[in-house]
Amino acid sequence: MASTLDRRRFVQVGATGFGASLLSGNLGAAPLYQDPAILAAPRQVRMSGDGLGLTALEQGRLLTGLADEGRIVRDSYSNGGTVTQLEEACATLLGKERAVFMPTGTLANHLAVRALAGGEGRAVLQAESHLYNDSGDCVQTLSGITIMPLAPDAATFSLEALREVIARTRSGRVARPVSVISIETPVRRSFGETFDQAELDRVTAFARQEGIRLHLDGARLFLQSAYTGVDVAEYARPFDTVYISLYKYFNAASGAILAGPRALLDDMFHTRRMFGAGLPGAWPFAAPALHYLPGFTDRFRGAVEVSEIFMERIEAHEAFTVERVPRGTNLFRLRVHAADVARFRRRLEEREILLGAPRPDGRILVGVNETWNRQSATELVDAFIAAL
């Protein structure tokens, strides 16, 4: 792992011309200018969220800086320019032939399932998935595909549960077989828990055997990769399509990438426009994501290292209890055994550490992101103890 100084420098830099970085195999990127978030708060650690949490002002300054350096090329209705550069970079990292920009993850998931289903059949997914809970029944309402949720209150469904539902759909008086399986990992509603890898291998192998197509909701896939050491392309390999978020930790104001085979995605921009999502200009979303994409995994692994040392040391103090999520990623729960937690949080803020408020059960949900690179684990632990 890089030293604390090296990790801070990682966060301060953006991308060089992406093509040069990609060709050289170096996604660490050389410094061009310091990002506005670093200039505004070089030591501020946000212990919530997946990304840097750029303000509107910081977003504006970032876009201005990128434009001044000639690193933004306008697109035309979300095609060409910086958007295409981002699509090509993401397709390469994900090991897919093609990638398409989408303004939201909701649309990316929807259009992937729609395309894979080919207009018929049913789709299986987790009951805790974003597509089932937070997308307004878009797949059912707008594309007429029946959704079959499995494993409520769990991040993983078993191959046995999948076999049962597939057998039931095939044996009905009117056969409506399962044509698509969508899997989300990590699962946000399960606080970043990942889909069990052994079960995932069984499910994907069975799907291939049965001719069922596969979609991966990998909105936070790069976070999972940093924790497990498994490359994102390896996670995406068994799936026909994969979606990643651009705003959660690549710090765009909005946006998503859907990657998969050319045969499926080359003309996807027509369907995107049919759903009202052919934005006349998507470069304000693509440019920040393209800026933060190179070297992200290395930078985030540095933040993970800081957080792991922090948790190990803070657990040894009687005033703190750390609760990890089984098969978790960047979220954990913290209990602060102090008479006045509000005052404790204010004292941390004076040391440029922003800790969220306790939930009704008294636990604080803590998120690890790139800002954890801005202070060392020792500095964070010392600040927590001093704030009691």
Protein backbone atom coordinates (compact mmCIF):
# COMPACT_ATOMS: atom_id res chain seq x y z
CA MET A 1 0.00 0.00 0.00
CA ALA A 2 1.07 3.58 -0.61
CA SER A 3 2.19 5.71 2.29
CA THR A 4 -0.18 8.24 3.80
CA LEU A 5 1.58 11.01 1.87
CA ASP A 6 1.27 9.03 -1.36
CA ARG A 7 -2.43 8.43 -0.75
CA ARG A 8 -3.08 12.12 -0.21
CA ARG A 9 -1.30 12.88 -3.45
CA PHE A 10 -3.45 10.26 -5.23
CA VAL A 11 -6.59 12.13 -4.25
CA GLN A 12 -5.18 15.48 -5.33
CA VAL A 13 -4.58 14.42 -8.91
CA GLY A 14 -6.92 13.89 -11.80
CA ALA A 15 -6.45 12.21 -15.15
CA THR A 16 -4.06 13.04 -17.92
CA GLY A 17 -5.42 12.65 -21.43
CA PHE A 18 -7.16 9.35 -20.81
CA GLY A 19 -6.01 7.74 -24.02
CA ALA A 20 -2.35 8.12 -23.04
CA SER A 21 -3.01 6.66 -19.58
CA LEU A 22 -4.88 3.72 -21.05
CA LEU A 23 -2.26 2.94 -23.66
CA SER A 24 0.54 3.08 -21.13
CA GLY A 25 -1.37 0.84 -18.74
CA ASN A 26 -1.07 3.56 -16.08
CA LEU A 27 -4.42 4.57 -14.66
CA GLY A 28 -2.83 6.39 -11.71
CA ALA A 29 -2.71 9.65 -13.67
CA ALA A 30 -0.29 12.54 -13.36
CA PRO A 31 -1.24 15.82 -11.66
CA LEU A 32 -2.53 18.68 -13.77
CA TYR A 33 -4.21 20.77 -11.14
CA GLN A 34 -5.59 20.23 -7.68
CA ASP A 35 -9.26 19.38 -7.54
CA PRO A 36 -11.50 22.09 -6.08
CA ALA A 37 -12.67 19.80 -3.27
CA ILE A 38 -9.07 19.41 -2.11
CA LEU A 39 -8.32 23.10 -2.36
CA ALA A 40 -11.43 23.97 -0.36
CA ALA A 41 -10.91 21.38 2.38
CA PRO A 42 -7.56 19.61 2.07
CA ARG A 43 -7.98 17.71 5.37
CA GLN A 44 -11.74 17.29 5.57
CA VAL A 45 -12.83 13.65 5.99
CA ARG A 46 -16.49 12.92 5.21
CA MET A 47 -17.48 9.77 7.08
CA SER A 48 -20.60 9.26 4.99
CA GLY A 49 -21.37 8.62 1.35
CA ASP A 50 -19.42 6.85 -1.36
CA GLY A 51 -17.76 9.85 -3.03
CA LEU A 52 -16.12 13.20 -2.40
CA GLY A 53 -19.45 14.98 -1.93
CA LEU A 54 -18.62 17.85 -4.27
CA THR A 55 -20.73 20.96 -3.80
CA ALA A 56 -22.32 22.76 -6.75
CA LEU A 57 -19.54 25.34 -6.56
CA GLU A 58 -16.87 22.65 -6.59
CA GLN A 59 -18.56 20.91 -9.51
CA GLY A 60 -18.59 24.18 -11.41
CA ARG A 61 -14.95 24.87 -10.71
CA LEU A 62 -14.02 21.34 -11.74
CA LEU A 63 -15.79 21.71 -15.08
CA THR A 64 -14.15 25.09 -15.63
CA GLY A 65 -10.72 23.63 -14.91
CA LEU A 66 -11.29 20.69 -17.25
CA ALA A 67 -12.55 23.02 -19.99
CA ASP A 68 -9.58 25.38 -19.55
CA GLU A 69 -7.27 22.42 -20.11
CA GLY A 70 -9.10 21.35 -23.25
CA ARG A 71 -10.34 18.15 -21.67
CA ILE A 72 -14.01 18.53 -22.57
CA VAL A 73 -15.32 17.82 -26.07
CA ARG A 74 -19.01 18.44 -26.62
CA ASP A 75 -21.28 15.59 -27.54
CA SER A 76 -24.39 15.64 -29.70
CA TYR A 77 -27.42 14.17 -27.98
CA SER A 78 -25.21 12.05 -25.71
CA ASN A 79 -23.13 10.70 -28.61
CA GLY A 80 -19.51 11.54 -29.38
CA GLY A 81 -17.00 13.80 -27.66
CA THR A 82 -16.20 13.28 -23.99
CA VAL A 83 -19.18 10.95 -23.65
CA THR A 84 -17.68 8.52 -26.14
CA GLN A 85 -14.27 8.78 -24.45
CA LEU A 86 -15.90 7.80 -21.15
CA GLU A 87 -17.84 4.96 -22.77
CA GLU A 88 -14.70 3.52 -24.34
CA ALA A 89 -12.74 3.79 -21.08
CA CYS A 90 -15.49 2.03 -19.10
CA ALA A 91 -15.92 -0.71 -21.69
CA THR A 92 -12.20 -1.44 -21.45
CA LEU A 93 -12.14 -1.53 -17.65
CA LEU A 94 -15.24 -3.74 -17.52
CA GLY A 95 -13.99 -6.11 -20.21
CA LYS A 96 -16.99 -5.51 -22.48
CA GLU A 97 -17.22 -4.72 -26.19
CA ARG A 98 -19.38 -1.62 -25.83
CA ALA A 99 -20.59 0.85 -23.24
CA VAL A 100 -23.41 3.39 -23.42
CA PHE A 101 -23.97 6.48 -21.28
CA MET A 102 -27.29 6.67 -19.43
CA PRO A 103 -28.47 9.69 -17.42
CA THR A 104 -29.58 7.48 -14.50
CA GLY A 105 -28.96 4.03 -13.10
CA THR A 106 -32.70 3.40 -13.06
CA LEU A 107 -32.76 3.67 -16.85
CA ALA A 108 -29.57 1.64 -17.26
CA ASN A 109 -31.00 -1.29 -15.27
CA HIS A 110 -34.36 -1.04 -16.99
CA LEU A 111 -33.05 -0.95 -20.56
CA ALA A 112 -30.60 -3.78 -19.84
CA VAL A 113 -33.36 -6.10 -18.58
CA ARG A 114 -35.65 -4.98 -21.42
CA ALA A 115 -33.04 -5.72 -24.07
CA LEU A 116 -31.97 -9.04 -22.58
CA ALA A 117 -35.58 -10.21 -22.25
CA GLY A 118 -36.21 -9.49 -25.91
CA GLY A 119 -39.77 -8.48 -25.22
CA GLU A 120 -40.94 -11.60 -23.43
CA GLY A 121 -40.46 -13.76 -20.37
CA ARG A 122 -39.89 -12.91 -16.76
CA ALA A 123 -36.99 -11.44 -14.82
CA VAL A 124 -35.68 -12.73 -11.48
CA LEU A 125 -33.92 -10.39 -9.06
CA GLN A 126 -33.30 -9.85 -5.35
CA ALA A 127 -36.21 -8.59 -3.27
CA GLU A 128 -33.77 -6.08 -1.72
CA SER A 129 -32.49 -4.81 -5.06
CA HIS A 130 -32.68 -1.22 -6.22
CA LEU A 131 -34.48 -2.24 -9.40
CA TYR A 132 -37.29 -3.88 -7.44
CA ASN A 133 -37.69 -1.32 -4.66
CA ASP A 134 -36.65 2.07 -5.94
CA SER A 135 -37.45 2.27 -9.64
CA GLY A 136 -41.21 2.77 -9.64
CA ASP A 137 -42.01 -0.62 -11.23
CA CYS A 138 -40.50 0.71 -14.45
CA VAL A 139 -39.74 -2.71 -15.93
CA GLN A 140 -43.28 -3.95 -15.31
CA THR A 141 -45.07 -0.73 -16.24
CA LEU A 142 -43.09 0.46 -19.24
CA SER A 143 -41.78 -2.78 -20.72
CA GLY A 144 -44.40 -5.34 -19.68
CA ILE A 145 -41.89 -7.73 -18.14
CA THR A 146 -42.94 -9.59 -15.00
CA ILE A 147 -40.54 -9.26 -12.08
CA MET A 148 -40.04 -12.17 -9.68
CA PRO A 149 -38.20 -11.13 -6.48
CA LEU A 150 -36.32 -13.66 -4.38
CA ALA A 151 -34.83 -13.72 -0.87
CA PRO A 152 -36.47 -10.89 1.07
CA ASP A 153 -34.24 -9.36 3.76
CA ALA A 154 -31.12 -10.93 2.25
CA ALA A 155 -28.43 -9.85 -0.21
CA THR A 156 -28.11 -13.33 -1.72
CA PHE A 157 -30.62 -15.77 -3.13
CA SER A 158 -29.71 -19.43 -3.49
CA LEU A 159 -29.54 -21.59 -6.57
CA GLU A 160 -32.22 -23.80 -4.99
CA ALA A 161 -34.61 -20.84 -4.72
CA LEU A 162 -33.88 -19.93 -8.33
CA ARG A 163 -34.47 -23.49 -9.53
CA GLU A 164 -37.82 -23.57 -7.73
CA VAL A 165 -39.14 -20.39 -9.31
CA ILE A 166 -37.93 -21.40 -12.78
CA ALA A 167 -39.61 -24.79 -12.48
CA ARG A 168 -42.85 -23.12 -11.42
CA THR A 169 -42.85 -20.69 -14.36
CA ARG A 170 -42.26 -23.51 -16.83
CA SER A 171 -44.98 -25.77 -15.46
CA GLY A 172 -47.85 -23.28 -15.57
CA ARG A 173 -50.81 -23.77 -17.90
CA VAL A 174 -49.46 -20.80 -19.83
CA ALA A 175 -45.68 -21.03 -19.95
CA ARG A 176 -43.91 -17.76 -19.20
CA PRO A 177 -40.32 -18.79 -18.55
CA VAL A 178 -37.63 -16.72 -16.88
CA SER A 179 -35.51 -15.08 -19.57
CA VAL A 180 -33.36 -12.71 -17.47
CA ILE A 181 -31.68 -12.73 -14.06
CA SER A 182 -30.57 -9.40 -12.60
CA ILE A 183 -28.16 -9.43 -9.65
CA GLU A 184 -27.12 -6.42 -7.60
CA THR A 185 -23.83 -6.43 -5.71
CA PRO A 186 -23.05 -4.79 -3.38
CA VAL A 187 -26.65 -4.38 -2.21
CA ARG A 188 -27.34 -0.89 -0.92
CA ARG A 189 -30.47 -1.89 1.02
CA SER A 190 -28.34 -4.50 2.78
CA PHE A 191 -25.82 -1.80 3.75
CA GLY A 192 -23.24 -2.73 1.14
CA GLU A 193 -23.33 -6.48 1.67
CA THR A 194 -22.09 -8.39 -1.37
CA PHE A 195 -23.79 -11.30 -3.09
CA ASP A 196 -22.15 -14.48 -1.79
CA GLN A 197 -19.47 -15.37 -4.36
CA ALA A 198 -19.86 -19.15 -4.17
CA GLU A 199 -23.62 -18.84 -4.70
CA LEU A 200 -23.06 -16.30 -7.47
CA ASP A 201 -20.84 -18.76 -9.31
CA ARG A 202 -23.50 -21.46 -9.02
CA VAL A 203 -26.29 -19.14 -10.18
CA THR A 204 -24.42 -17.77 -13.19
CA ALA A 205 -23.27 -21.23 -14.28
CA PHE A 206 -26.85 -22.52 -14.06
CA ALA A 207 -28.16 -19.54 -16.01
CA ARG A 208 -25.70 -20.15 -18.82
CA GLN A 209 -26.66 -23.82 -18.90
CA GLU A 210 -30.35 -22.89 -19.14
CA GLY A 211 -29.90 -20.12 -21.71
CA ILE A 212 -31.02 -17.40 -19.28
CA ARG A 213 -29.37 -14.04 -19.84
CA LEU A 214 -27.65 -12.16 -17.01
CA HIS A 215 -27.49 -8.52 -15.94
CA LEU A 216 -25.25 -7.15 -13.18
CA ASP A 217 -26.36 -4.09 -11.23
CA GLY A 218 -22.84 -3.10 -10.27
CA ALA A 219 -23.57 0.47 -9.26
CA ARG A 220 -20.93 0.17 -6.52
CA LEU A 221 -18.87 -2.57 -8.18
CA PHE A 222 -15.61 -0.61 -8.02
CA LEU A 223 -16.01 -0.33 -4.25
CA GLN A 224 -16.47 -4.09 -3.98
CA SER A 225 -13.39 -4.67 -6.12
CA ALA A 226 -11.25 -2.53 -3.82
CA TYR A 227 -12.27 -4.66 -0.83
CA THR A 228 -11.94 -8.09 -2.42
CA GLY A 229 -9.04 -7.52 -4.80
CA VAL A 230 -11.07 -9.08 -7.64
CA ASP A 231 -10.94 -6.97 -10.80
CA VAL A 232 -14.22 -5.42 -11.96
CA ALA A 233 -13.83 -7.10 -15.35
CA GLU A 234 -13.68 -10.49 -13.63
CA TYR A 235 -16.90 -9.73 -11.75
CA ALA A 236 -18.56 -8.60 -14.98
CA ARG A 237 -17.30 -11.52 -17.10
CA PRO A 238 -20.23 -13.99 -16.51
CA PHE A 239 -22.84 -11.30 -17.19
CA ASP A 240 -24.19 -10.16 -20.54
CA THR A 241 -24.54 -6.59 -19.32
CA VAL A 242 -23.30 -4.56 -16.37
CA TYR A 243 -24.26 -1.13 -15.04
CA ILE A 244 -22.03 1.14 -12.97
CA SER A 245 -22.91 4.47 -11.36
CA LEU A 246 -21.07 7.66 -12.31
CA TYR A 247 -22.26 9.87 -9.44
CA LYS A 248 -21.85 7.65 -6.40
CA TYR A 249 -18.04 7.71 -6.29
CA PHE A 250 -16.89 9.03 -9.67
CA ASN A 251 -18.40 12.33 -8.52
CA ALA A 252 -20.50 13.24 -11.56
CA ALA A 253 -23.69 15.19 -10.88
CA SER A 254 -25.61 12.29 -12.42
CA GLY A 255 -25.14 9.47 -14.87
CA ALA A 256 -24.52 5.77 -15.41
CA ILE A 257 -22.77 3.43 -17.80
CA LEU A 258 -24.30 0.30 -19.28
CA ALA A 259 -21.75 -2.09 -20.80
CA GLY A 260 -22.15 -5.28 -22.79
CA PRO A 261 -21.96 -6.78 -26.29
CA ARG A 262 -21.96 -4.55 -29.36
CA ALA A 263 -24.84 -6.45 -30.89
CA LEU A 264 -27.03 -5.43 -27.98
CA LEU A 265 -25.78 -1.89 -27.33
CA ASP A 266 -24.69 -0.37 -30.65
CA ASP A 267 -28.20 0.91 -31.34
CA MET A 268 -29.21 1.40 -27.71
CA PHE A 269 -29.12 5.18 -28.16
CA HIS A 270 -32.40 4.86 -30.10
CA THR A 271 -34.11 3.20 -27.12
CA ARG A 272 -32.47 5.71 -24.77
CA ARG A 273 -33.98 8.55 -26.77
CA MET A 274 -37.37 6.81 -26.94
CA PHE A 275 -37.44 6.93 -23.14
CA GLY A 276 -36.69 10.67 -23.21
CA ALA A 277 -33.06 10.26 -22.18
CA GLY A 278 -31.15 11.42 -25.26
CA LEU A 279 -29.81 14.50 -23.49
CA PRO A 280 -28.72 17.21 -25.99
CA GLY A 281 -25.49 17.55 -24.03
CA ALA A 282 -24.23 14.99 -21.51
CA TRP A 283 -20.65 16.29 -21.25
CA PRO A 284 -21.23 18.01 -17.84
CA PHE A 285 -21.87 14.51 -16.42
CA ALA A 286 -19.28 12.58 -18.44
CA ALA A 287 -16.30 14.92 -17.92
CA PRO A 288 -16.06 14.67 -14.09
CA ALA A 289 -16.49 10.88 -14.22
CA LEU A 290 -13.76 10.57 -16.85
CA HIS A 291 -11.55 12.76 -14.66
CA TYR A 292 -11.93 10.62 -11.53
CA LEU A 293 -12.04 7.19 -13.20
CA PRO A 294 -8.29 6.67 -13.79
CA GLY A 295 -6.56 5.40 -10.66
CA PHE A 296 -9.75 5.22 -8.63
CA THR A 297 -9.22 1.67 -7.40
CA ASP A 298 -5.72 2.45 -6.14
CA ARG A 299 -6.88 5.62 -4.41
CA PHE A 300 -9.84 3.89 -2.84
CA ARG A 301 -7.72 1.00 -1.63
CA GLY A 302 -5.62 3.58 0.22
CA ALA A 303 -8.78 4.87 1.90
CA VAL A 304 -9.78 1.31 2.79
CA GLU A 305 -6.40 0.75 4.41
CA VAL A 306 -6.80 3.89 6.54
CA SER A 307 -10.32 2.84 7.59
CA GLU A 308 -9.26 -0.71 8.52
CA ILE A 309 -6.46 0.56 10.76
CA PHE A 310 -8.84 3.13 12.23
CA MET A 311 -11.49 0.51 13.06
CA GLU A 312 -8.96 -1.86 14.57
CA ARG A 313 -7.60 0.83 16.89
CA ILE A 314 -10.89 2.49 17.79
CA GLU A 315 -12.44 -0.85 18.77
CA ALA A 316 -9.79 -1.16 21.49
CA HIS A 317 -11.21 1.93 23.23
CA GLU A 318 -14.09 1.43 25.66
CA ALA A 319 -16.00 4.44 24.30
CA PHE A 320 -16.51 2.96 20.82
CA THR A 321 -18.11 -0.14 19.35
CA VAL A 322 -17.69 -1.05 15.70
CA GLU A 323 -20.21 -3.32 14.00
CA ARG A 324 -19.19 -4.63 10.61
CA VAL A 325 -21.59 -5.77 7.90
CA PRO A 326 -21.18 -9.47 6.99
CA ARG A 327 -19.57 -9.67 3.53
CA GLY A 328 -19.63 -5.90 3.68
CA THR A 329 -17.84 -3.19 1.77
CA ASN A 330 -17.57 0.50 2.67
CA LEU A 331 -20.29 0.79 5.32
CA PHE A 332 -20.07 -0.03 9.01
CA ARG A 333 -21.95 0.97 12.15
CA LEU A 334 -20.41 2.85 15.05
CA ARG A 335 -21.66 3.32 18.60
CA VAL A 336 -20.23 6.21 20.57
CA HIS A 337 -20.59 5.71 24.32
CA ALA A 338 -20.54 9.38 25.29
CA ALA A 339 -22.90 11.47 27.38
CA ASP A 340 -23.31 14.07 24.65
CA VAL A 341 -22.87 12.64 21.16
CA ALA A 342 -23.89 15.93 19.53
CA ARG A 343 -21.02 17.71 21.28
CA PHE A 344 -18.70 14.87 20.32
CA ARG A 345 -19.63 15.35 16.66
CA ARG A 346 -19.09 19.14 16.90
CA ARG A 347 -15.62 18.59 18.31
CA LEU A 348 -14.79 16.24 15.46
CA GLU A 349 -15.99 18.85 12.99
CA GLU A 350 -13.52 21.31 14.49
CA ARG A 351 -10.84 18.81 13.43
CA GLU A 352 -12.38 18.61 9.93
CA ILE A 353 -14.01 15.20 10.45
CA LEU A 354 -17.68 15.06 9.51
CA LEU A 355 -19.52 12.23 11.27
CA GLY A 356 -23.20 11.53 10.64
CA ALA A 357 -25.90 11.73 13.28
CA PRO A 358 -26.99 8.64 15.25
CA ARG A 359 -29.98 6.74 13.91
CA PRO A 360 -32.94 5.99 16.19
CA ASP A 361 -31.20 2.86 17.49
CA GLY A 362 -28.19 4.95 18.56
CA ARG A 363 -25.85 3.62 15.89
CA ILE A 364 -24.08 5.84 13.37
CA LEU A 365 -23.77 4.56 9.83
CA VAL A 366 -20.23 5.33 8.64
CA GLY A 367 -19.15 5.33 4.99
CA VAL A 368 -15.62 4.97 3.68
CA ASN A 369 -14.74 7.07 0.64
CA GLU A 370 -11.71 8.77 -0.92
CA THR A 371 -11.72 11.59 1.66
CA TRP A 372 -10.34 9.09 4.20
CA ASN A 373 -7.01 9.56 2.43
CA ARG A 374 -6.79 13.13 3.72
CA GLN A 375 -5.80 12.20 7.27
CA SER A 376 -3.89 9.22 8.63
CA ALA A 377 -5.53 6.54 10.75
CA THR A 378 -3.53 7.78 13.74
CA GLU A 379 -4.83 11.32 13.26
CA LEU A 380 -8.42 10.09 13.03
CA VAL A 381 -8.16 7.91 16.14
CA ASP A 382 -6.51 10.72 18.12
CA ALA A 383 -9.28 13.10 17.06
CA PHE A 384 -12.01 10.67 18.13
CA ILE A 385 -10.47 10.17 21.55
CA ALA A 386 -9.85 13.89 22.04
CA ALA A 387 -13.47 14.68 21.11
CA LEU A 388 -14.92 12.57 23.94
